[in-house]
Amino acid sequence: MGHGIARSPLMSSETTLSLTSSSHSIRLRRMNQFDVKTEIDFDRRLSFHSRYFRFGSDDARLYEEQLQRLCVDDNCACRCFIAEVEDQGTTSPVAFGRFEMDADKDCEMSIIVADEWQGKGLGRQITEALIAGAKACGMRRMYVDVLASNTAMLKLAHRCGFVESKESVPGLVKSLCLVLDDYPVSEDRFDTDSSCPDSSPS
C-alpha cells in the first residue's frame, strides 16, 4: 500500500540517492508528523532478525513500547530521515534513520533498512546524512549501540569512523563513538540547516 507524502516546515530539504546495485532512485527526506504511523507499520513488517537487531528483542510487547517512544523530528534535538522508493506510482518507505541529542550535546543514532534493501549501500548514505545534520547542530560526538552479533551494522559503523567506547558490554552490546569534528562530510549533499531554535532537550 502506498504512503502519501506531506511536506512540513520542519522538512527543509530532500535528496535523491543512487545505488549502484539498484536501478531505483531513492528519495531521502526529513520526516514529518504524518510519517510516524508509516514508521511504526514499517517496523512491524521487519523480519525476526532485523527486528531483533533494531530493538534487542522480538518480544512484541517490548518493541511496541519502544516504537511509541521513538522521538519525532523537532529540527535539532531529534532529527529523523525517511528513505522512499517509488514504483509504478506507489511510494513506499525502505529505511529510516534518526539521531537524538542528550544533555551533553552528544547524540545517539539509529538506522533501520528494509530486509530486501540491506547490503546495497543505503545504510551508509543515511548514516552520512545523520552525521551531517548532527555536525550542523553543533553536536560533538555521535554514539550507536550495536548488538555484538549484528556484524553488518558493526562493519558499517567502522567504515564511517566509529570506534568502540568503554561503555561496551563484552559479548553482548558494542557502544561505538564518532567524534564529529573529525569526520569530513559533503555539506552540500544533505540538509545541514543549523537553524536550531533550541539545542537543549526539553
Protein backbone atom coordinates (compact mmCIF):
# COMPACT_ATOMS: atom_id res chain seq x y z
CA MET A 1 0.00 0.00 0.00
CA GLY A 2 1.36 3.43 -0.91
CA HIS A 3 2.02 6.23 1.52
CA GLY A 4 1.26 9.83 0.62
CA ILE A 5 3.91 12.49 1.10
CA ALA A 6 3.06 15.62 3.08
CA ARG A 7 5.58 18.42 3.44
CA SER A 8 6.18 20.20 6.72
CA PRO A 9 8.08 23.35 7.77
CA LEU A 10 10.45 21.01 9.64
CA MET A 11 11.45 19.28 6.42
CA SER A 12 13.69 21.76 4.66
CA SER A 13 15.28 19.52 2.05
CA GLU A 14 15.41 16.22 0.29
CA THR A 15 17.88 14.48 -1.95
CA THR A 16 17.93 11.57 -4.37
CA LEU A 17 20.19 8.63 -3.61
CA SER A 18 21.65 6.48 -6.36
CA LEU A 19 22.64 2.92 -5.51
CA THR A 20 24.97 1.07 -7.85
CA SER A 21 23.20 -2.20 -7.02
CA SER A 22 19.71 -0.93 -7.86
CA SER A 23 18.04 0.79 -10.79
CA HIS A 24 15.61 2.58 -8.46
CA SER A 25 16.06 6.18 -7.38
CA ILE A 26 15.56 6.62 -3.66
CA ARG A 27 14.41 9.86 -2.13
CA LEU A 28 15.82 10.75 1.29
CA ARG A 29 13.91 13.44 3.14
CA ARG A 30 13.25 14.76 6.61
CA MET A 31 10.34 13.13 8.41
CA ASN A 32 7.22 14.97 9.50
CA GLN A 33 4.38 14.15 11.88
CA PHE A 34 2.48 12.26 9.19
CA ASP A 35 5.33 9.74 8.86
CA VAL A 36 5.14 8.40 12.43
CA LYS A 37 2.48 5.78 11.68
CA THR A 38 4.33 4.86 8.48
CA GLU A 39 7.45 4.09 10.51
CA ILE A 40 5.53 2.03 13.06
CA ASP A 41 3.93 -0.05 10.29
CA PHE A 42 7.34 -0.43 8.63
CA ASP A 43 8.97 -1.75 11.82
CA ARG A 44 6.16 -4.25 12.33
CA ARG A 45 6.87 -5.77 8.90
CA LEU A 46 10.56 -6.38 9.56
CA SER A 47 11.93 -9.90 9.68
CA PHE A 48 12.74 -11.55 13.01
CA HIS A 49 16.46 -10.79 12.67
CA SER A 50 16.02 -7.16 11.62
CA ARG A 51 13.54 -6.51 14.41
CA TYR A 52 15.82 -8.21 16.93
CA PHE A 53 18.82 -6.14 15.84
CA ARG A 54 16.71 -2.96 15.93
CA PHE A 55 15.07 -3.43 19.33
CA GLY A 56 17.21 -6.05 21.05
CA SER A 57 14.20 -8.33 21.36
CA ASP A 58 11.49 -9.91 19.27
CA ASP A 59 9.00 -9.72 22.12
CA ALA A 60 6.04 -7.90 20.51
CA ARG A 61 5.12 -6.12 23.73
CA LEU A 62 8.63 -4.75 24.21
CA TYR A 63 9.16 -3.41 20.71
CA GLU A 64 5.66 -1.93 20.58
CA GLU A 65 6.55 0.07 23.70
CA GLN A 66 9.82 1.20 22.11
CA LEU A 67 8.04 2.20 18.90
CA GLN A 68 5.76 4.51 20.86
CA ARG A 69 8.80 6.19 22.47
CA LEU A 70 10.61 6.99 19.22
CA CYS A 71 11.43 10.68 19.05
CA VAL A 72 9.80 12.89 16.42
CA ASP A 73 11.79 15.34 14.29
CA ASP A 74 11.90 18.71 16.05
CA ASN A 75 14.61 20.22 13.83
CA CYS A 76 17.60 19.67 16.11
CA ALA A 77 17.27 17.80 19.41
CA CYS A 78 15.93 14.96 17.27
CA ARG A 79 16.37 14.74 13.52
CA CYS A 80 14.74 11.96 11.52
CA PHE A 81 15.04 10.82 7.92
CA ILE A 82 12.88 8.58 5.77
CA ALA A 83 14.08 6.96 2.55
CA GLU A 84 11.39 6.18 -0.01
CA VAL A 85 11.22 4.46 -3.36
CA GLU A 86 8.54 4.94 -6.00
CA ASP A 87 7.47 2.00 -8.12
CA GLN A 88 4.56 2.11 -10.55
CA GLY A 89 3.10 5.18 -8.88
CA THR A 90 3.32 3.80 -5.34
CA THR A 91 5.68 5.35 -2.80
CA SER A 92 6.96 3.05 -0.07
CA PRO A 93 9.48 3.51 2.77
CA VAL A 94 12.68 1.47 2.58
CA ALA A 95 14.67 2.88 5.51
CA PHE A 96 14.60 5.23 8.48
CA GLY A 97 17.34 6.99 10.43
CA ARG A 98 17.43 9.37 13.37
CA PHE A 99 19.67 10.98 15.95
CA GLU A 100 18.62 12.27 19.36
CA MET A 101 20.64 14.71 21.45
CA ASP A 102 21.46 14.20 25.11
CA ALA A 103 22.22 16.72 27.87
CA ASP A 104 25.94 16.83 26.96
CA LYS A 105 25.29 17.85 23.33
CA ASP A 106 26.26 14.38 22.19
CA CYS A 107 23.74 12.28 20.28
CA GLU A 108 22.73 8.71 19.68
CA MET A 109 21.91 7.49 16.19
CA SER A 110 19.89 4.58 14.88
CA ILE A 111 19.03 3.33 11.41
CA ILE A 112 16.85 0.55 10.08
CA VAL A 113 16.74 -0.67 6.48
CA ALA A 114 14.06 -2.93 5.00
CA ASP A 115 15.26 -6.50 4.65
CA GLU A 116 15.17 -6.51 0.86
CA TRP A 117 17.20 -3.28 0.70
CA GLN A 118 20.01 -4.30 3.03
CA GLY A 119 23.52 -4.67 1.65
CA LYS A 120 23.05 -2.09 -1.11
CA GLY A 121 24.85 0.90 0.47
CA LEU A 122 21.68 2.62 1.67
CA GLY A 123 22.63 2.44 5.34
CA ARG A 124 25.93 4.20 4.68
CA GLN A 125 24.26 7.10 2.89
CA ILE A 126 21.67 7.57 5.63
CA THR A 127 24.40 7.45 8.27
CA GLU A 128 26.25 10.21 6.43
CA ALA A 129 23.07 12.29 6.39
CA LEU A 130 22.70 11.87 10.14
CA ILE A 131 26.33 12.82 10.72
CA ALA A 132 25.97 15.94 8.57
CA GLY A 133 22.84 17.01 10.45
CA ALA A 134 24.41 16.43 13.85
CA LYS A 135 27.52 18.42 12.91
CA ALA A 136 25.38 21.29 11.67
CA CYS A 137 23.59 21.38 15.04
CA GLY A 138 26.89 21.71 16.88
CA MET A 139 26.94 18.25 18.40
CA ARG A 140 30.30 16.90 19.49
CA ARG A 141 30.02 13.12 19.41
CA MET A 142 27.68 10.56 17.94
CA TYR A 143 27.09 7.19 19.58
CA VAL A 144 25.48 3.99 18.40
CA ASP A 145 24.80 0.85 20.42
CA VAL A 146 25.01 -2.34 18.37
CA LEU A 147 24.41 -5.94 19.35
CA ALA A 148 27.69 -7.84 19.11
CA SER A 149 26.04 -10.31 16.74
CA ASN A 150 25.00 -7.57 14.29
CA THR A 151 28.12 -7.80 12.17
CA ALA A 152 26.68 -5.83 9.24
CA MET A 153 25.95 -2.77 11.41
CA LEU A 154 29.32 -3.02 13.14
CA LYS A 155 31.04 -3.07 9.75
CA LEU A 156 29.04 -0.03 8.62
CA ALA A 157 29.87 1.90 11.80
CA HIS A 158 33.58 1.15 11.48
CA ARG A 159 33.57 2.25 7.83
CA CYS A 160 32.08 5.56 8.90
CA GLY A 161 34.79 6.11 11.50
CA PHE A 162 33.07 4.93 14.70
CA VAL A 163 35.33 3.34 17.30
CA GLU A 164 34.39 1.15 20.25
CA SER A 165 33.97 3.02 23.53
CA LYS A 166 34.36 1.96 27.15
CA GLU A 167 30.60 1.58 27.60
CA SER A 168 30.50 -1.64 25.60
CA VAL A 169 29.12 -4.76 27.29
CA PRO A 170 31.56 -7.59 26.45
CA GLY A 171 29.95 -10.24 24.28
CA LEU A 172 26.56 -8.50 24.18
CA VAL A 173 26.49 -4.88 23.09
CA LYS A 174 29.14 -2.72 21.50
CA SER A 175 28.90 1.02 22.09
CA LEU A 176 30.67 2.92 19.33
CA CYS A 177 31.53 6.61 19.16
CA LEU A 178 32.35 9.07 16.38
CA VAL A 179 33.97 12.44 17.12
CA LEU A 180 32.02 14.58 14.68
CA ASP A 181 34.71 17.23 14.17
CA ASP A 182 36.98 14.50 12.82
CA TYR A 183 34.53 13.32 10.16
CA PRO A 184 34.56 15.09 6.78
CA VAL A 185 31.14 15.38 5.15
CA SER A 186 29.94 16.95 1.94
CA GLU A 187 27.70 19.64 3.36
CA ASP A 188 26.05 20.34 0.01
CA ARG A 189 24.78 16.77 -0.26
CA PHE A 190 22.31 16.77 2.60
CA ASP A 191 20.36 19.30 4.58
CA THR A 192 22.78 20.81 7.09
CA ASP A 193 20.47 23.59 8.23
CA SER A 194 21.89 24.76 11.56
CA SER A 195 18.91 26.95 12.48
CA CYS A 196 18.28 25.08 15.70
CA PRO A 197 15.83 27.14 17.75
CA ASP A 198 16.60 25.19 20.91
CA SER A 199 19.56 22.84 21.09
CA SER A 200 18.79 21.55 24.56
CA PRO A 201 16.41 18.67 25.24
CA SER A 202 13.07 19.69 26.65
